[in-house]
């Protein structure tokens, strides 16, 4: 029976490519499914019946820990250098997105509280 190893939805291309390379380098038999035309299916890397799920999971866990450690070190270096992007800089870089998110937040709050406000009157 196939084993789900790694979901690809929302995964950066470089990370997915590194996971594929890791599996190939360790001779682990796998295949991929994509999200489909409408993006509602499960994009993932699956192990075939004889894909050694325990060994593959150990390799993937080790890889993800290394990736996390590298990303954390890179972020801490950016903080020390003063080059890390702040929330305000992100808002300024994407003003339309920020405005739409704010409007969506207000709409959700309004819809959530409207029944209670109407009930008191």
PDB file of N, CA and C in Angstrom:
ATOM      1  N   UNK A   1       0.845  -1.173   0.000  1.00  0.00           N
ATOM      2  CA  UNK A   1       0.000   0.000   0.000  1.00  0.00           C
ATOM      3  C   UNK A   1       0.895   1.242   0.000  1.00  0.00           C
ATOM      4  N   UNK A   2       0.612   2.228  -0.833  1.00  0.00           N
ATOM      5  CA  UNK A   2       1.437   3.448  -0.874  1.00  0.00           C
ATOM      6  C   UNK A   2       1.378   4.216   0.446  1.00  0.00           C
ATOM      7  N   UNK A   3       2.449   4.934   0.728  1.00  0.00           N
ATOM      8  CA  UNK A   3       2.541   5.725   1.953  1.00  0.00           C
ATOM      9  C   UNK A   3       2.751   7.185   1.590  1.00  0.00           C
ATOM     10  N   UNK A   4       1.954   8.058   2.189  1.00  0.00           N
ATOM     11  CA  UNK A   4       2.134   9.492   1.997  1.00  0.00           C
ATOM     12  C   UNK A   4       3.389   9.917   2.750  1.00  0.00           C
ATOM     13  N   UNK A   5       4.312  10.550   2.037  1.00  0.00           N
ATOM     14  CA  UNK A   5       5.550  10.988   2.676  1.00  0.00           C
ATOM     15  C   UNK A   5       5.588  12.491   2.881  1.00  0.00           C
ATOM     16  N   UNK A   6       5.174  13.249   1.852  1.00  0.00           N
ATOM     17  CA  UNK A   6       5.430  14.687   1.889  1.00  0.00           C
ATOM     18  C   UNK A   6       4.378  15.414   1.060  1.00  0.00           C
ATOM     19  N   UNK A   7       3.600  16.287   1.692  1.00  0.00           N
ATOM     20  CA  UNK A   7       2.616  17.088   0.963  1.00  0.00           C
ATOM     21  C   UNK A   7       3.326  18.259   0.297  1.00  0.00           C
ATOM     22  N   UNK A   8       2.972  18.527  -0.960  1.00  0.00           N
ATOM     23  CA  UNK A   8       3.645  19.567  -1.729  1.00  0.00           C
ATOM     24  C   UNK A   8       2.863  20.870  -1.810  1.00  0.00           C
ATOM     25  N   UNK A   9       1.654  20.910  -1.287  1.00  0.00           N
ATOM     26  CA  UNK A   9       0.868  22.141  -1.331  1.00  0.00           C
ATOM     27  C   UNK A   9       1.541  23.218  -0.485  1.00  0.00           C
ATOM     28  N   UNK A  10       1.878  24.329  -1.107  1.00  0.00           N
ATOM     29  CA  UNK A  10       2.498  25.441  -0.397  1.00  0.00           C
ATOM     30  C   UNK A  10       3.985  25.282  -0.145  1.00  0.00           C
ATOM     31  N   UNK A  11       4.600  24.271  -0.715  1.00  0.00           N
ATOM     32  CA  UNK A  11       6.031  24.025  -0.515  1.00  0.00           C
ATOM     33  C   UNK A  11       6.816  24.757  -1.601  1.00  0.00           C
ATOM     34  N   UNK A  12       7.871  25.483  -1.232  1.00  0.00           N
ATOM     35  CA  UNK A  12       8.691  26.143  -2.254  1.00  0.00           C
ATOM     36  C   UNK A  12       9.305  25.120  -3.213  1.00  0.00           C
ATOM     37  N   UNK A  13       9.497  25.545  -4.451  1.00  0.00           N
ATOM     38  CA  UNK A  13      10.035  24.647  -5.479  1.00  0.00           C
ATOM     39  C   UNK A  13      11.398  24.079  -5.107  1.00  0.00           C
ATOM     40  N   UNK A  14      12.260  24.901  -4.498  1.00  0.00           N
ATOM     41  CA  UNK A  14      13.591  24.414  -4.154  1.00  0.00           C
ATOM     42  C   UNK A  14      13.529  23.316  -3.096  1.00  0.00           C
ATOM     43  N   UNK A  15      12.606  23.441  -2.147  1.00  0.00           N
ATOM     44  CA  UNK A  15      12.481  22.413  -1.118  1.00  0.00           C
ATOM     45  C   UNK A  15      11.960  21.104  -1.721  1.00  0.00           C
ATOM     46  N   UNK A  16      10.969  21.186  -2.588  1.00  0.00           N
ATOM     47  CA  UNK A  16      10.434  19.987  -3.232  1.00  0.00           C
ATOM     48  C   UNK A  16      11.519  19.300  -4.065  1.00  0.00           C
ATOM     49  N   UNK A  17      12.303  20.104  -4.765  1.00  0.00           N
ATOM     50  CA  UNK A  17      13.386  19.547  -5.588  1.00  0.00           C
ATOM     51  C   UNK A  17      14.437  18.870  -4.715  1.00  0.00           C
ATOM     52  N   UNK A  18      14.760  19.462  -3.574  1.00  0.00           N
ATOM     53  CA  UNK A  18      15.737  18.858  -2.669  1.00  0.00           C
ATOM     54  C   UNK A  18      15.217  17.555  -2.068  1.00  0.00           C
ATOM     55  N   UNK A  19      13.925  17.489  -1.776  1.00  0.00           N
ATOM     56  CA  UNK A  19      13.353  16.252  -1.242  1.00  0.00           C
ATOM     57  C   UNK A  19      13.411  15.152  -2.303  1.00  0.00           C
ATOM     58  N   UNK A  20      13.066  15.507  -3.540  1.00  0.00           N
ATOM     59  CA  UNK A  20      13.157  14.522  -4.631  1.00  0.00           C
ATOM     60  C   UNK A  20      14.596  14.005  -4.773  1.00  0.00           C
ATOM     61  N   UNK A  21      15.555  14.929  -4.761  1.00  0.00           N
ATOM     62  CA  UNK A  21      16.964  14.553  -4.898  1.00  0.00           C
ATOM     63  C   UNK A  21      17.402  13.662  -3.735  1.00  0.00           C
ATOM     64  N   UNK A  22      16.928  13.958  -2.535  1.00  0.00           N
ATOM     65  CA  UNK A  22      17.254  13.146  -1.363  1.00  0.00           C
ATOM     66  C   UNK A  22      16.749  11.717  -1.542  1.00  0.00           C
ATOM     67  N   UNK A  23      15.532  11.576  -2.022  1.00  0.00           N
ATOM     68  CA  UNK A  23      14.971  10.244  -2.213  1.00  0.00           C
ATOM     69  C   UNK A  23      15.698   9.483  -3.322  1.00  0.00           C
ATOM     70  N   UNK A  24      16.014  10.161  -4.404  1.00  0.00           N
ATOM     71  CA  UNK A  24      16.737   9.518  -5.507  1.00  0.00           C
ATOM     72  C   UNK A  24      18.130   9.096  -5.044  1.00  0.00           C
ATOM     73  N   UNK A  25      18.819   9.973  -4.318  1.00  0.00           N
ATOM     74  CA  UNK A  25      20.173   9.670  -3.858  1.00  0.00           C
ATOM     75  C   UNK A  25      20.202   8.472  -2.915  1.00  0.00           C
ATOM     76  N   UNK A  26      19.098   8.265  -2.198  1.00  0.00           N
ATOM     77  CA  UNK A  26      19.038   7.147  -1.259  1.00  0.00           C
ATOM     78  C   UNK A  26      18.281   5.950  -1.819  1.00  0.00           C
ATOM     79  N   UNK A  27      18.031   5.971  -3.124  1.00  0.00           N
ATOM     80  CA  UNK A  27      17.401   4.846  -3.834  1.00  0.00           C
ATOM     81  C   UNK A  27      16.061   4.450  -3.225  1.00  0.00           C
ATOM     82  N   UNK A  28      15.246   5.446  -2.936  1.00  0.00           N
ATOM     83  CA  UNK A  28      13.910   5.191  -2.396  1.00  0.00           C
ATOM     84  C   UNK A  28      12.909   5.404  -3.527  1.00  0.00           C
ATOM     85  N   UNK A  29      12.095   4.401  -3.777  1.00  0.00           N
ATOM     86  CA  UNK A  29      11.133   4.410  -4.882  1.00  0.00           C
ATOM     87  C   UNK A  29       9.915   5.251  -4.490  1.00  0.00           C
ATOM     88  N   UNK A  30       9.618   6.286  -5.282  1.00  0.00           N
ATOM     89  CA  UNK A  30       8.508   7.186  -4.982  1.00  0.00           C
ATOM     90  C   UNK A  30       7.833   7.629  -6.264  1.00  0.00           C
ATOM     91  N   UNK A  31       6.674   8.250  -6.110  1.00  0.00           N
ATOM     92  CA  UNK A  31       5.981   8.901  -7.215  1.00  0.00           C
ATOM     93  C   UNK A  31       5.267  10.126  -6.676  1.00  0.00           C
ATOM     94  N   UNK A  32       4.807  10.980  -7.580  1.00  0.00           N
ATOM     95  CA  UNK A  32       4.161  12.231  -7.175  1.00  0.00           C
ATOM     96  C   UNK A  32       2.752  12.314  -7.727  1.00  0.00           C
ATOM     97  N   UNK A  33       1.902  13.000  -6.987  1.00  0.00           N
ATOM     98  CA  UNK A  33       0.593  13.393  -7.487  1.00  0.00           C
ATOM     99  C   UNK A  33       0.559  14.911  -7.480  1.00  0.00           C
ATOM    100  N   UNK A  34      -0.187  15.485  -8.420  1.00  0.00           N
ATOM    101  CA  UNK A  34      -0.273  16.943  -8.456  1.00  0.00           C
ATOM    102  C   UNK A  34      -1.642  17.409  -7.976  1.00  0.00           C
ATOM    103  N   UNK A  35      -1.785  18.708  -7.848  1.00  0.00           N
ATOM    104  CA  UNK A  35      -3.023  19.278  -7.313  1.00  0.00           C
ATOM    105  C   UNK A  35      -4.152  19.247  -8.328  1.00  0.00           C
ATOM    106  N   UNK A  36      -3.865  18.918  -9.558  1.00  0.00           N
ATOM    107  CA  UNK A  36      -4.905  18.858 -10.573  1.00  0.00           C
ATOM    108  C   UNK A  36      -5.186  20.215 -11.180  1.00  0.00           C
ATOM    109  N   UNK A  37      -6.054  20.216 -12.145  1.00  0.00           N
ATOM    110  CA  UNK A  37      -6.388  21.428 -12.886  1.00  0.00           C
ATOM    111  C   UNK A  37      -6.953  22.539 -11.987  1.00  0.00           C
ATOM    112  N   UNK A  38      -7.778  22.166 -11.026  1.00  0.00           N
ATOM    113  CA  UNK A  38      -8.423  23.160 -10.175  1.00  0.00           C
ATOM    114  C   UNK A  38      -7.734  23.344  -8.831  1.00  0.00           C
ATOM    115  N   UNK A  39      -6.637  22.632  -8.603  1.00  0.00           N
ATOM    116  CA  UNK A  39      -5.860  22.796  -7.381  1.00  0.00           C
ATOM    117  C   UNK A  39      -6.521  22.241  -6.140  1.00  0.00           C
ATOM    118  N   UNK A  40      -7.448  21.295  -6.283  1.00  0.00           N
ATOM    119  CA  UNK A  40      -8.150  20.774  -5.111  1.00  0.00           C
ATOM    120  C   UNK A  40      -7.691  19.381  -4.702  1.00  0.00           C
ATOM    121  N   UNK A  41      -6.898  18.736  -5.551  1.00  0.00           N
ATOM    122  CA  UNK A  41      -6.373  17.414  -5.199  1.00  0.00           C
ATOM    123  C   UNK A  41      -5.127  17.562  -4.333  1.00  0.00           C
ATOM    124  N   UNK A  42      -4.647  16.458  -3.839  1.00  0.00           N
ATOM    125  CA  UNK A  42      -3.481  16.471  -2.955  1.00  0.00           C
ATOM    126  C   UNK A  42      -2.199  16.337  -3.765  1.00  0.00           C
ATOM    127  N   UNK A  43      -1.434  17.409  -3.807  1.00  0.00           N
ATOM    128  CA  UNK A  43      -0.106  17.357  -4.410  1.00  0.00           C
ATOM    129  C   UNK A  43       0.832  16.790  -3.352  1.00  0.00           C
ATOM    130  N   UNK A  44       1.478  15.665  -3.664  1.00  0.00           N
ATOM    131  CA  UNK A  44       2.279  15.005  -2.633  1.00  0.00           C
ATOM    132  C   UNK A  44       3.298  14.068  -3.267  1.00  0.00           C
ATOM    133  N   UNK A  45       4.246  13.688  -2.438  1.00  0.00           N
ATOM    134  CA  UNK A  45       5.199  12.636  -2.781  1.00  0.00           C
ATOM    135  C   UNK A  45       4.790  11.402  -1.985  1.00  0.00           C
ATOM    136  N   UNK A  46       4.624  10.313  -2.711  1.00  0.00           N
ATOM    137  CA  UNK A  46       4.180   9.061  -2.123  1.00  0.00           C
ATOM    138  C   UNK A  46       5.273   8.009  -2.287  1.00  0.00           C
ATOM    139  N   UNK A  47       5.357   7.108  -1.325  1.00  0.00           N
ATOM    140  CA  UNK A  47       6.270   5.971  -1.435  1.00  0.00           C
ATOM    141  C   UNK A  47       5.499   4.776  -1.972  1.00  0.00           C
ATOM    142  N   UNK A  48       6.124   4.048  -2.860  1.00  0.00           N
ATOM    143  CA  UNK A  48       5.493   2.818  -3.363  1.00  0.00           C
ATOM    144  C   UNK A  48       5.486   1.775  -2.251  1.00  0.00           C
ATOM    145  N   UNK A  49       4.866   0.662  -2.524  1.00  0.00           N
ATOM    146  CA  UNK A  49       4.719  -0.393  -1.512  1.00  0.00           C
ATOM    147  C   UNK A  49       6.028  -0.764  -0.841  1.00  0.00           C
ATOM    148  N   UNK A  50       7.108  -0.824  -1.640  1.00  0.00           N
ATOM    149  CA  UNK A  50       8.402  -1.234  -1.104  1.00  0.00           C
ATOM    150  C   UNK A  50       9.323  -0.029  -0.892  1.00  0.00           C
ATOM    151  N   UNK A  51       8.747   1.127  -0.603  1.00  0.00           N
ATOM    152  CA  UNK A  51       9.507   2.366  -0.527  1.00  0.00           C
ATOM    153  C   UNK A  51      10.205   2.636   0.792  1.00  0.00           C
ATOM    154  N   UNK A  52      10.223   1.690   1.684  1.00  0.00           N
ATOM    155  CA  UNK A  52      10.900   1.842   2.973  1.00  0.00           C
ATOM    156  C   UNK A  52      10.431   3.091   3.720  1.00  0.00           C
ATOM    157  N   UNK A  53       9.192   3.104   4.185  1.00  0.00           N
ATOM    158  CA  UNK A  53       8.642   4.314   4.806  1.00  0.00           C
ATOM    159  C   UNK A  53       9.394   4.787   6.059  1.00  0.00           C
ATOM    160  N   UNK A  54       9.892   3.872   6.876  1.00  0.00           N
ATOM    161  CA  UNK A  54      10.594   4.297   8.097  1.00  0.00           C
ATOM    162  C   UNK A  54      11.898   5.017   7.759  1.00  0.00           C
ATOM    163  N   UNK A  55      12.657   4.430   6.846  1.00  0.00           N
ATOM    164  CA  UNK A  55      13.941   5.054   6.459  1.00  0.00           C
ATOM    165  C   UNK A  55      13.700   6.382   5.747  1.00  0.00           C
ATOM    166  N   UNK A  56      12.698   6.420   4.884  1.00  0.00           N
ATOM    167  CA  UNK A  56      12.380   7.658   4.174  1.00  0.00           C
ATOM    168  C   UNK A  56      11.944   8.746   5.154  1.00  0.00           C
ATOM    169  N   UNK A  57      11.148   8.402   6.149  1.00  0.00           N
ATOM    170  CA  UNK A  57      10.686   9.374   7.142  1.00  0.00           C
ATOM    171  C   UNK A  57      11.876   9.892   7.954  1.00  0.00           C
ATOM    172  N   UNK A  58      12.806   9.024   8.310  1.00  0.00           N
ATOM    173  CA  UNK A  58      13.992   9.465   9.049  1.00  0.00           C
ATOM    174  C   UNK A  58      14.838  10.423   8.222  1.00  0.00           C
ATOM    175  N   UNK A  59      15.031  10.103   6.948  1.00  0.00           N
ATOM    176  CA  UNK A  59      15.793  10.984   6.062  1.00  0.00           C
ATOM    177  C   UNK A  59      15.102  12.341   5.912  1.00  0.00           C
ATOM    178  N   UNK A  60      13.786  12.310   5.731  1.00  0.00           N
ATOM    179  CA  UNK A  60      13.035  13.552   5.559  1.00  0.00           C
ATOM    180  C   UNK A  60      13.054  14.390   6.835  1.00  0.00           C
ATOM    181  N   UNK A  61      12.911  13.749   7.979  1.00  0.00           N
ATOM    182  CA  UNK A  61      12.962  14.481   9.245  1.00  0.00           C
ATOM    183  C   UNK A  61      14.321  15.151   9.445  1.00  0.00           C
ATOM    184  N   UNK A  62      15.383  14.429   9.127  1.00  0.00           N
ATOM    185  CA  UNK A  62      16.731  14.981   9.253  1.00  0.00           C
ATOM    186  C   UNK A  62      16.913  16.165   8.295  1.00  0.00           C
ATOM    187  N   UNK A  63      16.441  16.007   7.050  1.00  0.00           N
ATOM    188  CA  UNK A  63      16.534  17.083   6.059  1.00  0.00           C
ATOM    189  C   UNK A  63      15.767  18.321   6.524  1.00  0.00           C
ATOM    190  N   UNK A  64      14.545  18.131   7.017  1.00  0.00           N
ATOM    191  CA  UNK A  64      13.739  19.277   7.437  1.00  0.00           C
ATOM    192  C   UNK A  64      14.359  19.975   8.645  1.00  0.00           C
ATOM    193  N   UNK A  65      14.970  19.225   9.546  1.00  0.00           N
ATOM    194  CA  UNK A  65      15.647  19.843  10.688  1.00  0.00           C
ATOM    195  C   UNK A  65      16.830  20.689  10.214  1.00  0.00           C
ATOM    196  N   UNK A  66      17.593  20.173   9.249  1.00  0.00           N
ATOM    197  CA  UNK A  66      18.720  20.940   8.696  1.00  0.00           C
ATOM    198  C   UNK A  66      18.228  22.194   7.989  1.00  0.00           C
ATOM    199  N   UNK A  67      17.154  22.069   7.221  1.00  0.00           N
ATOM    200  CA  UNK A  67      16.598  23.223   6.505  1.00  0.00           C
ATOM    201  C   UNK A  67      16.118  24.285   7.494  1.00  0.00           C
ATOM    202  N   UNK A  68      15.454  23.842   8.564  1.00  0.00           N
ATOM    203  CA  UNK A  68      14.989  24.774   9.591  1.00  0.00           C
ATOM    204  C   UNK A  68      16.173  25.489  10.247  1.00  0.00           C
ATOM    205  N   UNK A  69      17.213  24.736  10.584  1.00  0.00           N
ATOM    206  CA  UNK A  69      18.382  25.320  11.229  1.00  0.00           C
ATOM    207  C   UNK A  69      19.041  26.361  10.331  1.00  0.00           C
ATOM    208  N   UNK A  70      19.160  26.053   9.039  1.00  0.00           N
ATOM    209  CA  UNK A  70      19.757  27.002   8.088  1.00  0.00           C
ATOM    210  C   UNK A  70      18.900  28.254   7.942  1.00  0.00           C
ATOM    211  N   UNK A  71      17.591  28.086   7.829  1.00  0.00           N
ATOM    212  CA  UNK A  71      16.697  29.231   7.677  1.00  0.00           C
ATOM    213  C   UNK A  71      16.722  30.103   8.924  1.00  0.00           C
ATOM    214  N   UNK A  72      16.740  29.475  10.079  1.00  0.00           N
ATOM    215  CA  UNK A  72      16.780  30.222  11.339  1.00  0.00           C
ATOM    216  C   UNK A  72      18.087  31.013  11.452  1.00  0.00           C
ATOM    217  N   UNK A  73      19.202  30.389  11.091  1.00  0.00           N
ATOM    218  CA  UNK A  73      20.500  31.066  11.147  1.00  0.00           C
ATOM    219  C   UNK A  73      20.536  32.238  10.166  1.00  0.00           C
ATOM    220  N   UNK A  74      19.960  32.039   8.974  1.00  0.00           N
ATOM    221  CA  UNK A  74      19.913  33.112   7.978  1.00  0.00           C
ATOM    222  C   UNK A  74      19.062  34.292   8.496  1.00  0.00           C
ATOM    223  N   UNK A  75      17.930  33.995   9.124  1.00  0.00           N
ATOM    224  CA  UNK A  75      17.070  35.041   9.670  1.00  0.00           C
ATOM    225  C   UNK A  75      17.761  35.779  10.814  1.00  0.00           C
ATOM    226  N   UNK A  76      18.411  35.047  11.701  1.00  0.00           N
ATOM    227  CA  UNK A  76      19.115  35.692  12.812  1.00  0.00           C
ATOM    228  C   UNK A  76      20.254  36.567  12.303  1.00  0.00           C
ATOM    229  N   UNK A  77      20.922  36.138  11.232  1.00  0.00           N
ATOM    230  CA  UNK A  77      21.967  36.958  10.623  1.00  0.00           C
ATOM    231  C   UNK A  77      21.369  38.234  10.040  1.00  0.00           C
ATOM    232  N   UNK A  78      20.222  38.125   9.401  1.00  0.00           N
ATOM    233  CA  UNK A  78      19.547  39.313   8.858  1.00  0.00           C
ATOM    234  C   UNK A  78      19.145  40.267   9.979  1.00  0.00           C
ATOM    235  N   UNK A  79      18.718  39.726  11.110  1.00  0.00           N
ATOM    236  CA  UNK A  79      18.386  40.578  12.251  1.00  0.00           C
ATOM    237  C   UNK A  79      19.620  41.324  12.747  1.00  0.00           C
ATOM    238  N   UNK A  80      20.749  40.614  12.833  1.00  0.00           N
ATOM    239  CA  UNK A  80      21.983  41.252  13.287  1.00  0.00           C
ATOM    240  C   UNK A  80      22.449  42.318  12.302  1.00  0.00           C
ATOM    241  N   UNK A  81      22.284  42.031  10.988  1.00  0.00           N
ATOM    242  CA  UNK A  81      22.708  42.986   9.961  1.00  0.00           C
ATOM    243  C   UNK A  81      21.731  44.140   9.790  1.00  0.00           C
ATOM    244  N   UNK A  82      20.525  43.972  10.319  1.00  0.00           N
ATOM    245  CA  UNK A  82      19.499  45.001  10.126  1.00  0.00           C
ATOM    246  C   UNK A  82      18.819  44.920   8.765  1.00  0.00           C
ATOM    247  N   UNK A  83      18.932  43.772   8.091  1.00  0.00           N
ATOM    248  CA  UNK A  83      18.331  43.623   6.770  1.00  0.00           C
ATOM    249  C   UNK A  83      17.052  42.801   6.790  1.00  0.00           C
ATOM    250  N   UNK A  84      16.619  42.338   7.954  1.00  0.00           N
ATOM    251  CA  UNK A  84      15.376  41.565   8.048  1.00  0.00           C
ATOM    252  C   UNK A  84      14.189  42.489   7.800  1.00  0.00           C
ATOM    253  N   UNK A  85      13.229  42.000   7.033  1.00  0.00           N
ATOM    254  CA  UNK A  85      12.067  42.810   6.684  1.00  0.00           C
ATOM    255  C   UNK A  85      11.108  42.896   7.871  1.00  0.00           C
ATOM    256  N   UNK A  86      10.710  44.110   8.229  1.00  0.00           N
ATOM    257  CA  UNK A  86       9.778  44.300   9.327  1.00  0.00           C
ATOM    258  C   UNK A  86       8.346  44.221   8.805  1.00  0.00           C
ATOM    259  N   UNK A  87       7.408  44.154   9.723  1.00  0.00           N
ATOM    260  CA  UNK A  87       5.996  44.103   9.340  1.00  0.00           C
ATOM    261  C   UNK A  87       5.593  45.382   8.610  1.00  0.00           C
ATOM    262  N   UNK A  88       6.076  46.518   9.073  1.00  0.00           N
ATOM    263  CA  UNK A  88       5.759  47.789   8.414  1.00  0.00           C
ATOM    264  C   UNK A  88       6.322  47.839   6.991  1.00  0.00           C
ATOM    265  N   UNK A  89       7.521  47.341   6.799  1.00  0.00           N
ATOM    266  CA  UNK A  89       8.103  47.294   5.456  1.00  0.00           C
ATOM    267  C   UNK A  89       7.290  46.385   4.543  1.00  0.00           C
ATOM    268  N   UNK A  90       6.812  45.273   5.090  1.00  0.00           N
ATOM    269  CA  UNK A  90       5.988  44.352   4.305  1.00  0.00           C
ATOM    270  C   UNK A  90       4.672  45.010   3.922  1.00  0.00           C
ATOM    271  N   UNK A  91       4.081  45.775   4.839  1.00  0.00           N
ATOM    272  CA  UNK A  91       2.836  46.493   4.532  1.00  0.00           C
ATOM    273  C   UNK A  91       3.063  47.534   3.444  1.00  0.00           C
ATOM    274  N   UNK A  92       4.181  48.231   3.513  1.00  0.00           N
ATOM    275  CA  UNK A  92       4.489  49.246   2.504  1.00  0.00           C
ATOM    276  C   UNK A  92       4.792  48.622   1.144  1.00  0.00           C
ATOM    277  N   UNK A  93       5.392  47.437   1.154  1.00  0.00           N
ATOM    278  CA  UNK A  93       5.743  46.774  -0.093  1.00  0.00           C
ATOM    279  C   UNK A  93       4.506  46.229  -0.800  1.00  0.00           C
ATOM    280  N   UNK A  94       3.495  45.849  -0.050  1.00  0.00           N
ATOM    281  CA  UNK A  94       2.274  45.282  -0.614  1.00  0.00           C
ATOM    282  C   UNK A  94       1.045  46.006  -0.061  1.00  0.00           C
ATOM    283  N   UNK A  95       0.848  47.268  -0.431  1.00  0.00           N
ATOM    284  CA  UNK A  95      -0.257  48.032   0.165  1.00  0.00           C
ATOM    285  C   UNK A  95      -1.643  47.507  -0.223  1.00  0.00           C
ATOM    286  N   UNK A  96      -1.818  47.073  -1.447  1.00  0.00           N
ATOM    287  CA  UNK A  96      -3.127  46.569  -1.871  1.00  0.00           C
ATOM    288  C   UNK A  96      -3.487  45.298  -1.118  1.00  0.00           C
ATOM    289  N   UNK A  97      -2.544  44.412  -0.995  1.00  0.00           N
ATOM    290  CA  UNK A  97      -2.780  43.164  -0.257  1.00  0.00           C
ATOM    291  C   UNK A  97      -3.115  43.465   1.198  1.00  0.00           C
ATOM    292  N   UNK A  98      -2.393  44.404   1.778  1.00  0.00           N
ATOM    293  CA  UNK A  98      -2.630  44.778   3.168  1.00  0.00           C
ATOM    294  C   UNK A  98      -4.025  45.371   3.345  1.00  0.00           C
ATOM    295  N   UNK A  99      -4.424  46.218   2.407  1.00  0.00           N
ATOM    296  CA  UNK A  99      -5.749  46.830   2.474  1.00  0.00           C
ATOM    297  C   UNK A  99      -6.841  45.777   2.337  1.00  0.00           C
ATOM    298  N   UNK A 100      -6.677  44.851   1.413  1.00  0.00           N
ATOM    299  CA  UNK A 100      -7.672  43.796   1.224  1.00  0.00           C
ATOM    300  C   UNK A 100      -7.775  42.898   2.452  1.00  0.00           C
ATOM    301  N   UNK A 101      -6.653  42.589   3.070  1.00  0.00           N
ATOM    302  CA  UNK A 101      -6.680  41.787   4.293  1.00  0.00           C
ATOM    303  C   UNK A 101      -7.389  42.525   5.427  1.00  0.00           C
ATOM    304  N   UNK A 102      -7.138  43.817   5.532  1.00  0.00           N
ATOM    305  CA  UNK A 102      -7.804  44.618   6.551  1.00  0.00           C
ATOM    306  C   UNK A 102      -9.309  44.660   6.312  1.00  0.00           C
ATOM    307  N   UNK A 103      -9.720  44.844   5.062  1.00  0.00           N
ATOM    308  CA  UNK A 103     -11.148  44.859   4.731  1.00  0.00           C
ATOM    309  C   UNK A 103     -11.794  43.507   5.015  1.00  0.00           C
ATOM    310  N   UNK A 104     -11.098  42.433   4.707  1.00  0.00           N
ATOM    311  CA  UNK A 104     -11.620  41.093   4.993  1.00  0.00           C
ATOM    312  C   UNK A 104     -11.776  40.880   6.494  1.00  0.00           C
ATOM    313  N   UNK A 105     -10.813  41.358   7.263  1.00  0.00           N
ATOM    314  CA  UNK A 105     -10.890  41.250   8.723  1.00  0.00           C
ATOM    315  C   UNK A 105     -12.090  42.019   9.260  1.00  0.00           C
ATOM    316  N   UNK A 106     -12.297  43.228   8.772  1.00  0.00           N
ATOM    317  CA  UNK A 106     -13.440  44.043   9.207  1.00  0.00           C
ATOM    318  C   UNK A 106     -14.746  43.361   8.834  1.00  0.00           C
ATOM    319  N   UNK A 107     -14.813  42.788   7.633  1.00  0.00           N
ATOM    320  CA  UNK A 107     -16.034  42.109   7.198  1.00  0.00           C
ATOM    321  C   UNK A 107     -16.342  40.902   8.080  1.00  0.00           C
ATOM    322  N   UNK A 108     -15.325  40.123   8.413  1.00  0.00           N
ATOM    323  CA  UNK A 108     -15.536  38.953   9.267  1.00  0.00           C
ATOM    324  C   UNK A 108     -15.991  39.387  10.656  1.00  0.00           C
ATOM    325  N   UNK A 109     -15.364  40.416  11.201  1.00  0.00           N
ATOM    326  CA  UNK A 109     -15.775  40.919  12.517  1.00  0.00           C
ATOM    327  C   UNK A 109     -17.203  41.448  12.481  1.00  0.00           C
ATOM    328  N   UNK A 110     -17.550  42.166  11.431  1.00  0.00           N
ATOM    329  CA  UNK A 110     -18.904  42.711  11.316  1.00  0.00           C
ATOM    330  C   UNK A 110     -19.927  41.585  11.221  1.00  0.00           C
ATOM    331  N   UNK A 111     -19.675  40.605  10.391  1.00  0.00           N
ATOM    332  CA  UNK A 111     -20.610  39.492  10.247  1.00  0.00           C
ATOM    333  C   UNK A 111     -20.709  38.660  11.524  1.00  0.00           C
ATOM    334  N   UNK A 112     -19.625  38.582  12.256  1.00  0.00           N
ATOM    335  CA  UNK A 112     -19.622  37.801  13.490  1.00  0.00           C
ATOM    336  C   UNK A 112     -20.372  38.501  14.618  1.00  0.00           C
ATOM    337  N   UNK A 113     -20.290  39.804  14.677  1.00  0.00           N
ATOM    338  CA  UNK A 113     -20.912  40.533  15.790  1.00  0.00           C
ATOM    339  C   UNK A 113     -22.283  41.100  15.453  1.00  0.00           C
ATOM    340  N   UNK A 114     -22.633  41.174  14.186  1.00  0.00           N
ATOM    341  CA  UNK A 114     -23.911  41.763  13.782  1.00  0.00           C
ATOM    342  C   UNK A 114     -25.118  41.088  14.437  1.00  0.00           C
ATOM    343  N   UNK A 115     -25.202  39.772  14.511  1.00  0.00           N
ATOM    344  CA  UNK A 115     -26.373  39.162  15.166  1.00  0.00           C
ATOM    345  C   UNK A 115     -26.517  39.568  16.629  1.00  0.00           C
ATOM    346  N   UNK A 116     -25.403  39.752  17.323  1.00  0.00           N
ATOM    347  CA  UNK A 116     -25.480  40.118  18.726  1.00  0.00           C
ATOM    348  C   UNK A 116     -25.867  41.582  18.893  1.00  0.00           C
ATOM    349  N   UNK A 117     -25.403  42.427  18.016  1.00  0.00           N
ATOM    350  CA  UNK A 117     -25.753  43.848  18.076  1.00  0.00           C
ATOM    351  C   UNK A 117     -27.230  44.019  17.754  1.00  0.00           C
ATOM    352  N   UNK A 118     -27.721  43.306  16.758  1.00  0.00           N
ATOM    353  CA  UNK A 118     -29.140  43.386  16.365  1.00  0.00           C
ATOM    354  C   UNK A 118     -30.027  42.832  17.465  1.00  0.00           C
ATOM    355  N   UNK A 119     -29.548  41.841  18.219  1.00  0.00           N
ATOM    356  CA  UNK A 119     -30.334  41.209  19.266  1.00  0.00           C
ATOM    357  C   UNK A 119     -30.628  42.189  20.402  1.00  0.00           C
ATOM    358  N   UNK A 120     -29.700  43.080  20.715  1.00  0.00           N
ATOM    359  CA  UNK A 120     -29.867  44.016  21.821  1.00  0.00           C
ATOM    360  C   UNK A 120     -30.866  45.116  21.484  1.00  0.00           C
ATOM    361  N   UNK A 121     -31.154  45.364  20.226  1.00  0.00           N
ATOM    362  CA  UNK A 121     -32.078  46.455  19.864  1.00  0.00           C
ATOM    363  C   UNK A 121     -33.452  45.949  19.632  1.00  0.00           C
TER     364      UNK A 121
END
